[in-house]
Amino acid sequence: MSDKKNNKKNNNKNYDEDYNPRFRKQRKKVCALCSDKNFNLDYKNYDQMKKFVNDKGKILPRRTTGACAKHQRDITIAVKRARHIAILPYTQN
């Protein structure tokens, strides 16, 4: 009887066992700071800092920016410094 249940489950699937149509595999993002050795993170550069901040003024997470843990910490410090000297706003209205 258990063979019939397993067989019935497998008959309904016409795709790979680990394939899930709800979730699409995404390519892993590469850290922009690691890949480009000439890229210097500067808190005084507004155009560079706004890439790491969303429209509400929050710092974007690693999964969004694609930065490694080491560089995400550097991004966080740079954004906070830019906020402190009023280059970046703390919030957007």
Protein backbone atom coordinates (compact mmCIF):
# COMPACT_ATOMS: atom_id res chain seq x y z
CA MET A 1 0.00 0.00 0.00
CA SER A 2 2.86 2.38 0.73
CA ASP A 3 4.21 1.66 -2.76
CA LYS A 4 0.95 2.88 -4.26
CA LYS A 5 1.10 6.14 -2.26
CA ASN A 6 4.72 6.80 -3.27
CA ASN A 7 3.97 5.89 -6.86
CA LYS A 8 0.94 8.18 -6.90
CA LYS A 9 3.01 11.09 -5.59
CA ASN A 10 5.69 10.54 -8.22
CA ASN A 11 3.15 10.31 -11.04
CA ASN A 12 1.88 13.81 -10.30
CA LYS A 13 5.39 15.26 -10.63
CA ASN A 14 6.78 15.62 -14.09
CA TYR A 15 9.81 17.63 -13.01
CA ASP A 16 12.90 17.27 -10.83
CA GLU A 17 12.50 16.28 -7.21
CA ASP A 18 14.15 19.47 -5.88
CA TYR A 19 12.37 21.81 -8.31
CA ASN A 20 9.86 24.15 -6.70
CA PRO A 21 7.88 26.38 -9.06
CA ARG A 22 7.33 29.01 -6.36
CA PHE A 23 11.01 29.68 -5.84
CA ARG A 24 13.40 30.45 -8.64
CA LYS A 25 17.10 29.92 -8.08
CA GLN A 26 18.94 33.19 -8.27
CA ARG A 27 22.56 33.68 -9.06
CA LYS A 28 24.65 34.66 -6.05
CA LYS A 29 25.58 38.34 -6.03
CA VAL A 30 29.25 39.25 -6.04
CA CYS A 31 30.55 41.88 -3.68
CA ALA A 32 31.25 45.03 -5.71
CA LEU A 33 33.90 46.13 -3.25
CA CYS A 34 35.79 42.82 -3.41
CA SER A 35 35.60 42.44 -7.18
CA ASP A 36 36.85 45.94 -8.00
CA LYS A 37 40.13 46.60 -6.20
CA ASN A 38 40.15 50.28 -7.26
CA PHE A 39 36.73 50.95 -5.70
CA ASN A 40 37.17 53.11 -2.60
CA LEU A 41 34.20 53.63 -0.33
CA ASP A 42 34.06 57.32 0.54
CA TYR A 43 31.45 58.70 2.91
CA LYS A 44 31.79 62.17 1.34
CA ASN A 45 30.63 60.93 -2.08
CA TYR A 46 26.82 61.28 -2.12
CA ASP A 47 26.29 59.40 -5.40
CA GLN A 48 28.21 56.42 -4.10
CA MET A 49 26.40 56.38 -0.74
CA LYS A 50 22.88 56.54 -2.14
CA LYS A 51 23.42 53.15 -3.84
CA PHE A 52 23.46 51.57 -0.39
CA VAL A 53 20.43 53.43 1.02
CA ASN A 54 16.78 52.88 0.06
CA ASP A 55 14.25 55.62 -0.71
CA LYS A 56 13.26 55.93 2.95
CA GLY A 57 16.86 56.44 4.08
CA LYS A 58 17.45 52.96 5.51
CA ILE A 59 20.69 51.08 4.89
CA LEU A 60 20.10 48.21 2.47
CA PRO A 61 20.84 44.67 3.73
CA ARG A 62 23.57 42.38 2.40
CA ARG A 63 21.15 40.27 0.41
CA THR A 64 20.14 43.39 -1.55
CA THR A 65 23.52 45.07 -2.00
CA GLY A 66 25.39 41.81 -2.55
CA ALA A 67 28.23 42.95 -0.31
CA CYS A 68 30.26 40.55 1.80
CA ALA A 69 30.08 40.83 5.60
CA LYS A 70 33.34 42.76 5.88
CA HIS A 71 32.32 45.36 3.33
CA GLN A 72 28.76 45.60 4.62
CA ARG A 73 30.21 46.75 7.94
CA ASP A 74 32.27 49.36 6.06
CA ILE A 75 29.16 50.49 4.17
CA THR A 76 27.25 50.88 7.42
CA ILE A 77 29.98 52.99 8.99
CA ALA A 78 30.29 55.16 5.88
CA VAL A 79 26.53 55.77 5.68
CA LYS A 80 26.38 56.67 9.37
CA ARG A 81 29.28 59.10 8.94
CA ALA A 82 27.57 60.68 5.93
CA ARG A 83 24.39 61.07 7.96
CA HIS A 84 26.28 62.64 10.83
CA ILE A 85 27.78 65.39 8.68
CA ALA A 86 24.43 65.88 6.84
CA ILE A 87 25.40 64.51 3.44
CA LEU A 88 22.72 61.82 3.71
CA PRO A 89 19.41 62.35 5.51
CA TYR A 90 18.39 60.12 8.38
CA THR A 91 14.88 59.78 6.89
CA GLN A 92 13.04 60.80 3.75
CA ASN A 93 9.71 62.64 3.91
